[in-house]
């Protein structure tokens, strides 16, 4: 038994030496300098994977939007590279149907989760595309970038948002999208019902009237299945003019300081209390 133990130990020692894969010690150092949120905003599976790609030269420190600028610069100095700053991206919500403007046709009673509610008749909201407002997106956000307003609608804090995509993945209605902040023209609706039917369920729904498409630069906005759609490949032609005649305020201009702005012809919403169910 003693001899067998010696033989096996020798085999393991030789195998360890022959099969050992060298790992650059800088990977551990860089991983310690990352926020360890493992949010995936950098495009990789987690902070460890990102650190490995940084050492390989296959990624740039600026790809981590969750890290501080000082730490990003420190990583760049360690690697001897420059920081290639990209445009900040944020999550945007394609719904403005709070409980004061969007109708609920049934009262959902059960687990307080959008994903759970969506499995029960769509959650009870009249608009099958509408936000259910139970907070799954807020709860899953690792950066506390999502809060809820008084009408049970998510509000994204662009300063805190890192575009990690957690809210995109969790929303059962697919209402969140990740966009560069330069995409100021935004359709805050996903309702694809005909105009009259959409308006019956939500006062701020897009009704597909086409006024925004007429007022925008050529081919910037199209109407698809009664919903305005922006072609962001032509974003350099976008202007606030496109929103001015929207009757419901479904298409907005997101100002860097004032937030979402509606056009001059948008119907004024005065109701502050929730609409009755039914």
C-alpha atoms as a PDB file:
ATOM      1  CA  UNK A   1       0.000   0.000   0.000  1.00  0.00           C
ATOM      2  CA  UNK A   2       2.863   2.334   0.854  1.00  0.00           C
ATOM      3  CA  UNK A   3       4.523   1.617  -2.469  1.00  0.00           C
ATOM      4  CA  UNK A   4       1.273   2.170  -4.362  1.00  0.00           C
ATOM      5  CA  UNK A   5       0.821   5.498  -2.581  1.00  0.00           C
ATOM      6  CA  UNK A   6       4.316   6.603  -3.578  1.00  0.00           C
ATOM      7  CA  UNK A   7       3.700   5.609  -7.217  1.00  0.00           C
ATOM      8  CA  UNK A   8       0.370   7.424  -7.408  1.00  0.00           C
ATOM      9  CA  UNK A   9       1.816  10.536  -5.760  1.00  0.00           C
ATOM     10  CA  UNK A  10       4.643  10.541  -8.290  1.00  0.00           C
ATOM     11  CA  UNK A  11       2.201  10.169 -11.195  1.00  0.00           C
ATOM     12  CA  UNK A  12       0.056  13.041  -9.903  1.00  0.00           C
ATOM     13  CA  UNK A  13       3.090  15.273  -9.400  1.00  0.00           C
ATOM     14  CA  UNK A  14       4.341  14.600 -12.934  1.00  0.00           C
ATOM     15  CA  UNK A  15       0.841  15.090 -14.410  1.00  0.00           C
ATOM     16  CA  UNK A  16       0.403  18.369 -12.563  1.00  0.00           C
ATOM     17  CA  UNK A  17       3.693  19.652 -13.936  1.00  0.00           C
ATOM     18  CA  UNK A  18       3.066  18.463 -17.481  1.00  0.00           C
ATOM     19  CA  UNK A  19      -0.612  19.455 -17.707  1.00  0.00           C
ATOM     20  CA  UNK A  20      -0.453  22.710 -15.760  1.00  0.00           C
ATOM     21  CA  UNK A  21      -1.972  25.612 -17.670  1.00  0.00           C
ATOM     22  CA  UNK A  22      -0.357  28.958 -16.948  1.00  0.00           C
ATOM     23  CA  UNK A  23      -2.770  31.689 -15.909  1.00  0.00           C
ATOM     24  CA  UNK A  24      -1.669  35.282 -16.044  1.00  0.00           C
ATOM     25  CA  UNK A  25      -1.664  36.621 -12.450  1.00  0.00           C
ATOM     26  CA  UNK A  26      -2.998  39.935 -13.752  1.00  0.00           C
ATOM     27  CA  UNK A  27      -6.385  38.285 -14.195  1.00  0.00           C
ATOM     28  CA  UNK A  28      -6.845  38.047 -10.417  1.00  0.00           C
ATOM     29  CA  UNK A  29      -5.644  41.622  -9.953  1.00  0.00           C
ATOM     30  CA  UNK A  30      -8.049  42.981 -12.550  1.00  0.00           C
ATOM     31  CA  UNK A  31     -10.954  40.943 -11.244  1.00  0.00           C
ATOM     32  CA  UNK A  32     -10.382  42.565  -7.841  1.00  0.00           C
ATOM     33  CA  UNK A  33     -10.577  45.982  -9.530  1.00  0.00           C
ATOM     34  CA  UNK A  34     -13.929  45.234 -11.168  1.00  0.00           C
ATOM     35  CA  UNK A  35     -17.266  45.768  -9.344  1.00  0.00           C
ATOM     36  CA  UNK A  36     -18.006  42.004  -9.221  1.00  0.00           C
ATOM     37  CA  UNK A  37     -21.613  42.647 -10.196  1.00  0.00           C
ATOM     38  CA  UNK A  38     -21.417  39.966 -12.912  1.00  0.00           C
ATOM     39  CA  UNK A  39     -24.102  41.951 -14.722  1.00  0.00           C
ATOM     40  CA  UNK A  40     -22.981  41.146 -18.269  1.00  0.00           C
ATOM     41  CA  UNK A  41     -23.086  44.774 -19.450  1.00  0.00           C
ATOM     42  CA  UNK A  42     -19.541  44.366 -20.812  1.00  0.00           C
ATOM     43  CA  UNK A  43     -20.749  41.642 -23.169  1.00  0.00           C
ATOM     44  CA  UNK A  44     -19.125  38.752 -21.301  1.00  0.00           C
ATOM     45  CA  UNK A  45     -20.424  36.140 -18.868  1.00  0.00           C
ATOM     46  CA  UNK A  46     -19.144  37.877 -15.743  1.00  0.00           C
ATOM     47  CA  UNK A  47     -16.319  39.887 -14.213  1.00  0.00           C
ATOM     48  CA  UNK A  48     -13.881  36.961 -14.303  1.00  0.00           C
ATOM     49  CA  UNK A  49     -14.511  36.331 -17.979  1.00  0.00           C
ATOM     50  CA  UNK A  50     -14.161  40.055 -18.675  1.00  0.00           C
ATOM     51  CA  UNK A  51     -10.847  40.171 -16.787  1.00  0.00           C
ATOM     52  CA  UNK A  52      -9.550  37.280 -18.904  1.00  0.00           C
ATOM     53  CA  UNK A  53     -10.524  39.072 -22.116  1.00  0.00           C
ATOM     54  CA  UNK A  54      -8.875  42.271 -20.912  1.00  0.00           C
ATOM     55  CA  UNK A  55      -5.586  40.473 -20.346  1.00  0.00           C
ATOM     56  CA  UNK A  56      -5.887  38.830 -23.777  1.00  0.00           C
ATOM     57  CA  UNK A  57      -6.382  42.262 -25.334  1.00  0.00           C
ATOM     58  CA  UNK A  58      -9.800  41.240 -26.632  1.00  0.00           C
ATOM     59  CA  UNK A  59     -11.697  43.852 -24.597  1.00  0.00           C
ATOM     60  CA  UNK A  60     -11.287  47.417 -23.393  1.00  0.00           C
ATOM     61  CA  UNK A  61     -11.668  48.540 -19.746  1.00  0.00           C
ATOM     62  CA  UNK A  62     -14.350  51.054 -20.774  1.00  0.00           C
ATOM     63  CA  UNK A  63     -16.693  48.204 -21.672  1.00  0.00           C
ATOM     64  CA  UNK A  64     -17.486  47.848 -17.978  1.00  0.00           C
ATOM     65  CA  UNK A  65     -20.139  50.522 -17.537  1.00  0.00           C
ATOM     66  CA  UNK A  66     -20.641  49.596 -13.873  1.00  0.00           C
ATOM     67  CA  UNK A  67     -17.102  50.511 -12.804  1.00  0.00           C
ATOM     68  CA  UNK A  68     -15.946  53.936 -11.611  1.00  0.00           C
ATOM     69  CA  UNK A  69     -13.930  56.060 -14.032  1.00  0.00           C
ATOM     70  CA  UNK A  70     -10.971  56.047 -11.631  1.00  0.00           C
ATOM     71  CA  UNK A  71     -10.902  52.248 -11.457  1.00  0.00           C
ATOM     72  CA  UNK A  72     -11.296  51.960 -15.217  1.00  0.00           C
ATOM     73  CA  UNK A  73      -8.276  54.201 -15.662  1.00  0.00           C
ATOM     74  CA  UNK A  74      -6.343  52.113 -13.114  1.00  0.00           C
ATOM     75  CA  UNK A  75      -7.074  48.922 -15.054  1.00  0.00           C
ATOM     76  CA  UNK A  76      -5.979  50.608 -18.273  1.00  0.00           C
ATOM     77  CA  UNK A  77      -2.718  51.700 -16.613  1.00  0.00           C
ATOM     78  CA  UNK A  78      -2.061  48.179 -15.355  1.00  0.00           C
ATOM     79  CA  UNK A  79      -2.551  46.768 -18.848  1.00  0.00           C
ATOM     80  CA  UNK A  80      -0.762  49.614 -20.596  1.00  0.00           C
ATOM     81  CA  UNK A  81      -3.724  50.487 -22.807  1.00  0.00           C
ATOM     82  CA  UNK A  82      -5.872  53.553 -23.385  1.00  0.00           C
ATOM     83  CA  UNK A  83      -9.510  53.801 -22.378  1.00  0.00           C
ATOM     84  CA  UNK A  84     -11.750  53.809 -25.433  1.00  0.00           C
ATOM     85  CA  UNK A  85     -14.808  55.511 -24.033  1.00  0.00           C
ATOM     86  CA  UNK A  86     -18.057  54.519 -25.732  1.00  0.00           C
ATOM     87  CA  UNK A  87     -21.448  56.172 -25.622  1.00  0.00           C
ATOM     88  CA  UNK A  88     -23.412  55.498 -22.459  1.00  0.00           C
ATOM     89  CA  UNK A  89     -26.345  53.150 -22.905  1.00  0.00           C
ATOM     90  CA  UNK A  90     -29.436  52.895 -20.731  1.00  0.00           C
ATOM     91  CA  UNK A  91     -32.613  50.878 -20.380  1.00  0.00           C
ATOM     92  CA  UNK A  92     -35.769  52.421 -21.826  1.00  0.00           C
ATOM     93  CA  UNK A  93     -39.353  51.409 -21.005  1.00  0.00           C
ATOM     94  CA  UNK A  94     -41.843  51.147 -23.868  1.00  0.00           C
ATOM     95  CA  UNK A  95     -44.942  51.843 -21.775  1.00  0.00           C
ATOM     96  CA  UNK A  96     -46.508  54.907 -20.170  1.00  0.00           C
ATOM     97  CA  UNK A  97     -49.715  53.203 -19.076  1.00  0.00           C
ATOM     98  CA  UNK A  98     -49.845  53.870 -15.357  1.00  0.00           C
ATOM     99  CA  UNK A  99     -52.926  52.935 -13.339  1.00  0.00           C
ATOM    100  CA  UNK A 100     -54.415  56.411 -13.840  1.00  0.00           C
ATOM    101  CA  UNK A 101     -54.568  56.087 -17.631  1.00  0.00           C
ATOM    102  CA  UNK A 102     -54.535  52.340 -18.423  1.00  0.00           C
ATOM    103  CA  UNK A 103     -57.503  50.156 -17.588  1.00  0.00           C
ATOM    104  CA  UNK A 104     -57.460  46.889 -15.668  1.00  0.00           C
ATOM    105  CA  UNK A 105     -60.191  44.458 -16.671  1.00  0.00           C
ATOM    106  CA  UNK A 106     -59.652  41.998 -13.840  1.00  0.00           C
ATOM    107  CA  UNK A 107     -58.183  42.018 -10.354  1.00  0.00           C
ATOM    108  CA  UNK A 108     -55.152  39.771 -10.091  1.00  0.00           C
ATOM    109  CA  UNK A 109     -54.665  38.113  -6.705  1.00  0.00           C
ATOM    110  CA  UNK A 110     -51.605  35.984  -6.182  1.00  0.00           C
ATOM    111  CA  UNK A 111     -47.832  36.145  -6.009  1.00  0.00           C
ATOM    112  CA  UNK A 112     -46.713  39.760  -6.362  1.00  0.00           C
ATOM    113  CA  UNK A 113     -44.655  39.211  -9.490  1.00  0.00           C
ATOM    114  CA  UNK A 114     -45.122  40.376 -13.065  1.00  0.00           C
ATOM    115  CA  UNK A 115     -43.946  37.021 -14.373  1.00  0.00           C
ATOM    116  CA  UNK A 116     -46.451  35.163 -12.204  1.00  0.00           C
ATOM    117  CA  UNK A 117     -49.312  37.527 -13.035  1.00  0.00           C
ATOM    118  CA  UNK A 118     -48.613  37.327 -16.750  1.00  0.00           C
ATOM    119  CA  UNK A 119     -49.352  33.591 -16.583  1.00  0.00           C
ATOM    120  CA  UNK A 120     -52.870  34.301 -15.301  1.00  0.00           C
ATOM    121  CA  UNK A 121     -54.848  35.865 -18.117  1.00  0.00           C
ATOM    122  CA  UNK A 122     -52.004  38.243 -18.911  1.00  0.00           C
ATOM    123  CA  UNK A 123     -52.161  39.893 -15.499  1.00  0.00           C
ATOM    124  CA  UNK A 124     -55.563  41.547 -15.734  1.00  0.00           C
ATOM    125  CA  UNK A 125     -54.543  44.671 -17.630  1.00  0.00           C
ATOM    126  CA  UNK A 126     -56.726  45.662 -20.564  1.00  0.00           C
ATOM    127  CA  UNK A 127     -53.719  46.318 -22.777  1.00  0.00           C
ATOM    128  CA  UNK A 128     -52.034  42.928 -23.287  1.00  0.00           C
ATOM    129  CA  UNK A 129     -48.729  44.708 -23.921  1.00  0.00           C
ATOM    130  CA  UNK A 130     -48.908  46.955 -20.847  1.00  0.00           C
ATOM    131  CA  UNK A 131     -46.651  47.097 -17.795  1.00  0.00           C
ATOM    132  CA  UNK A 132     -48.061  45.133 -14.853  1.00  0.00           C
ATOM    133  CA  UNK A 133     -46.194  47.275 -12.322  1.00  0.00           C
ATOM    134  CA  UNK A 134     -45.323  44.644  -9.726  1.00  0.00           C
ATOM    135  CA  UNK A 135     -41.631  45.442  -9.568  1.00  0.00           C
ATOM    136  CA  UNK A 136     -39.759  42.461 -11.004  1.00  0.00           C
ATOM    137  CA  UNK A 137     -37.486  44.859 -12.904  1.00  0.00           C
ATOM    138  CA  UNK A 138     -36.779  46.930  -9.793  1.00  0.00           C
ATOM    139  CA  UNK A 139     -36.064  43.867  -7.679  1.00  0.00           C
ATOM    140  CA  UNK A 140     -33.614  42.366 -10.163  1.00  0.00           C
ATOM    141  CA  UNK A 141     -31.662  45.569 -10.898  1.00  0.00           C
ATOM    142  CA  UNK A 142     -28.254  45.213  -9.182  1.00  0.00           C
ATOM    143  CA  UNK A 143     -27.619  48.974  -9.244  1.00  0.00           C
ATOM    144  CA  UNK A 144     -30.888  50.306  -7.762  1.00  0.00           C
ATOM    145  CA  UNK A 145     -31.455  52.189 -11.012  1.00  0.00           C
ATOM    146  CA  UNK A 146     -35.206  51.474 -11.152  1.00  0.00           C
ATOM    147  CA  UNK A 147     -37.845  52.986  -8.905  1.00  0.00           C
ATOM    148  CA  UNK A 148     -41.622  53.191  -9.250  1.00  0.00           C
ATOM    149  CA  UNK A 149     -43.714  56.321  -9.613  1.00  0.00           C
ATOM    150  CA  UNK A 150     -47.068  56.955  -7.960  1.00  0.00           C
ATOM    151  CA  UNK A 151     -48.886  55.238 -10.845  1.00  0.00           C
ATOM    152  CA  UNK A 152     -46.999  51.927 -10.604  1.00  0.00           C
ATOM    153  CA  UNK A 153     -44.704  52.567 -13.532  1.00  0.00           C
ATOM    154  CA  UNK A 154     -40.947  51.875 -13.521  1.00  0.00           C
ATOM    155  CA  UNK A 155     -38.654  54.893 -13.742  1.00  0.00           C
ATOM    156  CA  UNK A 156     -35.057  54.354 -14.888  1.00  0.00           C
ATOM    157  CA  UNK A 157     -32.369  56.570 -13.368  1.00  0.00           C
ATOM    158  CA  UNK A 158     -30.022  57.081 -16.324  1.00  0.00           C
ATOM    159  CA  UNK A 159     -27.181  58.115 -14.026  1.00  0.00           C
ATOM    160  CA  UNK A 160     -27.297  54.757 -12.201  1.00  0.00           C
ATOM    161  CA  UNK A 161     -28.243  52.516 -15.126  1.00  0.00           C
ATOM    162  CA  UNK A 162     -25.346  50.498 -16.549  1.00  0.00           C
ATOM    163  CA  UNK A 163     -27.282  48.799 -19.363  1.00  0.00           C
ATOM    164  CA  UNK A 164     -26.702  45.395 -17.770  1.00  0.00           C
ATOM    165  CA  UNK A 165     -29.936  44.090 -19.296  1.00  0.00           C
ATOM    166  CA  UNK A 166     -31.342  42.446 -16.167  1.00  0.00           C
ATOM    167  CA  UNK A 167     -34.635  44.328 -16.578  1.00  0.00           C
ATOM    168  CA  UNK A 168     -34.791  43.329 -20.237  1.00  0.00           C
ATOM    169  CA  UNK A 169     -34.513  39.653 -19.349  1.00  0.00           C
ATOM    170  CA  UNK A 170     -37.003  39.674 -16.455  1.00  0.00           C
ATOM    171  CA  UNK A 171     -39.904  41.637 -18.001  1.00  0.00           C
ATOM    172  CA  UNK A 172     -42.595  39.203 -19.230  1.00  0.00           C
ATOM    173  CA  UNK A 173     -43.995  41.852 -21.578  1.00  0.00           C
ATOM    174  CA  UNK A 174     -40.605  42.631 -23.223  1.00  0.00           C
ATOM    175  CA  UNK A 175     -41.032  46.316 -22.460  1.00  0.00           C
ATOM    176  CA  UNK A 176     -37.400  47.227 -21.782  1.00  0.00           C
ATOM    177  CA  UNK A 177     -34.774  47.871 -24.434  1.00  0.00           C
ATOM    178  CA  UNK A 178     -31.141  48.999 -24.159  1.00  0.00           C
ATOM    179  CA  UNK A 179     -30.369  52.166 -26.139  1.00  0.00           C
ATOM    180  CA  UNK A 180     -27.602  54.750 -26.429  1.00  0.00           C
ATOM    181  CA  UNK A 181     -28.617  57.954 -24.684  1.00  0.00           C
ATOM    182  CA  UNK A 182     -28.426  59.743 -28.028  1.00  0.00           C
ATOM    183  CA  UNK A 183     -31.649  57.961 -29.000  1.00  0.00           C
ATOM    184  CA  UNK A 184     -33.871  60.772 -27.747  1.00  0.00           C
ATOM    185  CA  UNK A 185     -36.934  59.993 -29.858  1.00  0.00           C
ATOM    186  CA  UNK A 186     -38.825  57.223 -28.098  1.00  0.00           C
ATOM    187  CA  UNK A 187     -42.171  55.452 -28.539  1.00  0.00           C
ATOM    188  CA  UNK A 188     -43.411  54.787 -24.999  1.00  0.00           C
ATOM    189  CA  UNK A 189     -45.900  52.154 -26.107  1.00  0.00           C
ATOM    190  CA  UNK A 190     -46.027  48.636 -27.535  1.00  0.00           C
ATOM    191  CA  UNK A 191     -49.763  48.347 -28.166  1.00  0.00           C
ATOM    192  CA  UNK A 192     -50.333  47.011 -31.681  1.00  0.00           C
ATOM    193  CA  UNK A 193     -54.130  47.076 -31.586  1.00  0.00           C
ATOM    194  CA  UNK A 194     -56.051  49.283 -33.998  1.00  0.00           C
ATOM    195  CA  UNK A 195     -56.323  52.912 -32.917  1.00  0.00           C
ATOM    196  CA  UNK A 196     -59.828  52.799 -31.458  1.00  0.00           C
ATOM    197  CA  UNK A 197     -59.161  49.546 -29.585  1.00  0.00           C
ATOM    198  CA  UNK A 198     -55.830  50.788 -28.246  1.00  0.00           C
ATOM    199  CA  UNK A 199     -57.370  54.048 -26.996  1.00  0.00           C
ATOM    200  CA  UNK A 200     -60.189  52.121 -25.286  1.00  0.00           C
ATOM    201  CA  UNK A 201     -57.663  50.435 -22.999  1.00  0.00           C
ATOM    202  CA  UNK A 202     -55.143  53.239 -22.460  1.00  0.00           C
ATOM    203  CA  UNK A 203     -55.384  57.018 -22.798  1.00  0.00           C
ATOM    204  CA  UNK A 204     -51.710  57.321 -23.773  1.00  0.00           C
ATOM    205  CA  UNK A 205     -51.482  54.439 -26.242  1.00  0.00           C
ATOM    206  CA  UNK A 206     -50.109  54.888 -29.737  1.00  0.00           C
ATOM    207  CA  UNK A 207     -53.072  54.852 -32.133  1.00  0.00           C
ATOM    208  CA  UNK A 208     -51.061  54.604 -35.343  1.00  0.00           C
ATOM    209  CA  UNK A 209     -52.335  57.896 -36.730  1.00  0.00           C
ATOM    210  CA  UNK A 210     -49.077  58.542 -38.561  1.00  0.00           C
ATOM    211  CA  UNK A 211     -48.708  62.230 -37.663  1.00  0.00           C
ATOM    212  CA  UNK A 212     -45.262  61.623 -36.171  1.00  0.00           C
ATOM    213  CA  UNK A 213     -44.144  59.898 -39.373  1.00  0.00           C
ATOM    214  CA  UNK A 214     -45.346  62.865 -41.433  1.00  0.00           C
ATOM    215  CA  UNK A 215     -43.573  65.402 -39.215  1.00  0.00           C
ATOM    216  CA  UNK A 216     -40.298  63.477 -38.900  1.00  0.00           C
ATOM    217  CA  UNK A 217     -37.446  63.315 -41.380  1.00  0.00           C
ATOM    218  CA  UNK A 218     -38.122  61.004 -44.359  1.00  0.00           C
ATOM    219  CA  UNK A 219     -38.248  57.310 -43.444  1.00  0.00           C
ATOM    220  CA  UNK A 220     -37.270  57.944 -39.817  1.00  0.00           C
ATOM    221  CA  UNK A 221     -40.640  56.737 -38.467  1.00  0.00           C
ATOM    222  CA  UNK A 222     -42.927  54.116 -39.953  1.00  0.00           C
ATOM    223  CA  UNK A 223     -46.272  52.716 -38.803  1.00  0.00           C
ATOM    224  CA  UNK A 224     -46.229  48.959 -38.354  1.00  0.00           C
ATOM    225  CA  UNK A 225     -49.319  47.130 -37.070  1.00  0.00           C
ATOM    226  CA  UNK A 226     -50.775  50.432 -35.813  1.00  0.00           C
ATOM    227  CA  UNK A 227     -47.602  51.284 -33.872  1.00  0.00           C
ATOM    228  CA  UNK A 228     -45.029  53.989 -34.596  1.00  0.00           C
ATOM    229  CA  UNK A 229     -41.526  52.548 -35.023  1.00  0.00           C
ATOM    230  CA  UNK A 230     -38.305  54.575 -35.136  1.00  0.00           C
ATOM    231  CA  UNK A 231     -35.458  53.586 -37.456  1.00  0.00           C
ATOM    232  CA  UNK A 232     -32.466  54.415 -35.267  1.00  0.00           C
ATOM    233  CA  UNK A 233     -30.036  53.936 -38.137  1.00  0.00           C
ATOM    234  CA  UNK A 234     -31.308  57.385 -39.161  1.00  0.00           C
ATOM    235  CA  UNK A 235     -31.055  58.792 -35.638  1.00  0.00           C
ATOM    236  CA  UNK A 236     -28.970  61.744 -36.802  1.00  0.00           C
ATOM    237  CA  UNK A 237     -32.108  63.101 -38.508  1.00  0.00           C
ATOM    238  CA  UNK A 238     -34.277  62.879 -35.381  1.00  0.00           C
ATOM    239  CA  UNK A 239     -35.717  66.039 -33.861  1.00  0.00           C
ATOM    240  CA  UNK A 240     -38.346  67.074 -31.350  1.00  0.00           C
ATOM    241  CA  UNK A 241     -40.605  68.154 -34.241  1.00  0.00           C
ATOM    242  CA  UNK A 242     -41.757  64.556 -34.670  1.00  0.00           C
ATOM    243  CA  UNK A 243     -43.631  64.490 -31.352  1.00  0.00           C
ATOM    244  CA  UNK A 244     -45.482  67.797 -31.524  1.00  0.00           C
ATOM    245  CA  UNK A 245     -48.771  66.603 -33.075  1.00  0.00           C
ATOM    246  CA  UNK A 246     -49.014  63.211 -31.337  1.00  0.00           C
ATOM    247  CA  UNK A 247     -52.532  63.307 -29.828  1.00  0.00           C
ATOM    248  CA  UNK A 248     -51.860  60.854 -26.999  1.00  0.00           C
ATOM    249  CA  UNK A 249     -48.253  61.685 -26.167  1.00  0.00           C
ATOM    250  CA  UNK A 250     -47.199  58.110 -26.910  1.00  0.00           C
ATOM    251  CA  UNK A 251     -44.078  59.287 -28.715  1.00  0.00           C
ATOM    252  CA  UNK A 252     -41.790  61.436 -26.591  1.00  0.00           C
ATOM    253  CA  UNK A 253     -38.505  63.294 -26.727  1.00  0.00           C
ATOM    254  CA  UNK A 254     -36.180  62.321 -23.867  1.00  0.00           C
ATOM    255  CA  UNK A 255     -34.348  65.452 -22.785  1.00  0.00           C
ATOM    256  CA  UNK A 256     -31.094  65.011 -20.866  1.00  0.00           C
ATOM    257  CA  UNK A 257     -32.339  67.339 -18.093  1.00  0.00           C
ATOM    258  CA  UNK A 258     -36.145  67.410 -18.287  1.00  0.00           C
ATOM    259  CA  UNK A 259     -36.730  63.737 -18.986  1.00  0.00           C
ATOM    260  CA  UNK A 260     -39.556  62.524 -21.252  1.00  0.00           C
ATOM    261  CA  UNK A 261     -41.276  65.442 -22.970  1.00  0.00           C
ATOM    262  CA  UNK A 262     -44.620  65.228 -24.773  1.00  0.00           C
ATOM    263  CA  UNK A 263     -45.657  67.293 -27.756  1.00  0.00           C
ATOM    264  CA  UNK A 264     -47.777  70.435 -27.720  1.00  0.00           C
ATOM    265  CA  UNK A 265     -50.910  68.628 -29.005  1.00  0.00           C
ATOM    266  CA  UNK A 266     -50.796  65.738 -26.520  1.00  0.00           C
ATOM    267  CA  UNK A 267     -53.902  65.349 -24.397  1.00  0.00           C
ATOM    268  CA  UNK A 268     -53.324  66.626 -20.874  1.00  0.00           C
ATOM    269  CA  UNK A 269     -53.667  63.917 -18.229  1.00  0.00           C
ATOM    270  CA  UNK A 270     -55.418  65.282 -15.153  1.00  0.00           C
ATOM    271  CA  UNK A 271     -56.512  62.123 -13.376  1.00  0.00           C
ATOM    272  CA  UNK A 272     -54.197  61.193 -10.489  1.00  0.00           C
ATOM    273  CA  UNK A 273     -56.150  58.313  -8.943  1.00  0.00           C
ATOM    274  CA  UNK A 274     -56.267  54.744 -10.303  1.00  0.00           C
ATOM    275  CA  UNK A 275     -58.993  53.883 -12.783  1.00  0.00           C
ATOM    276  CA  UNK A 276     -61.661  51.471 -11.498  1.00  0.00           C
ATOM    277  CA  UNK A 277     -61.243  47.806 -12.384  1.00  0.00           C
ATOM    278  CA  UNK A 278     -63.631  46.429 -14.974  1.00  0.00           C
END
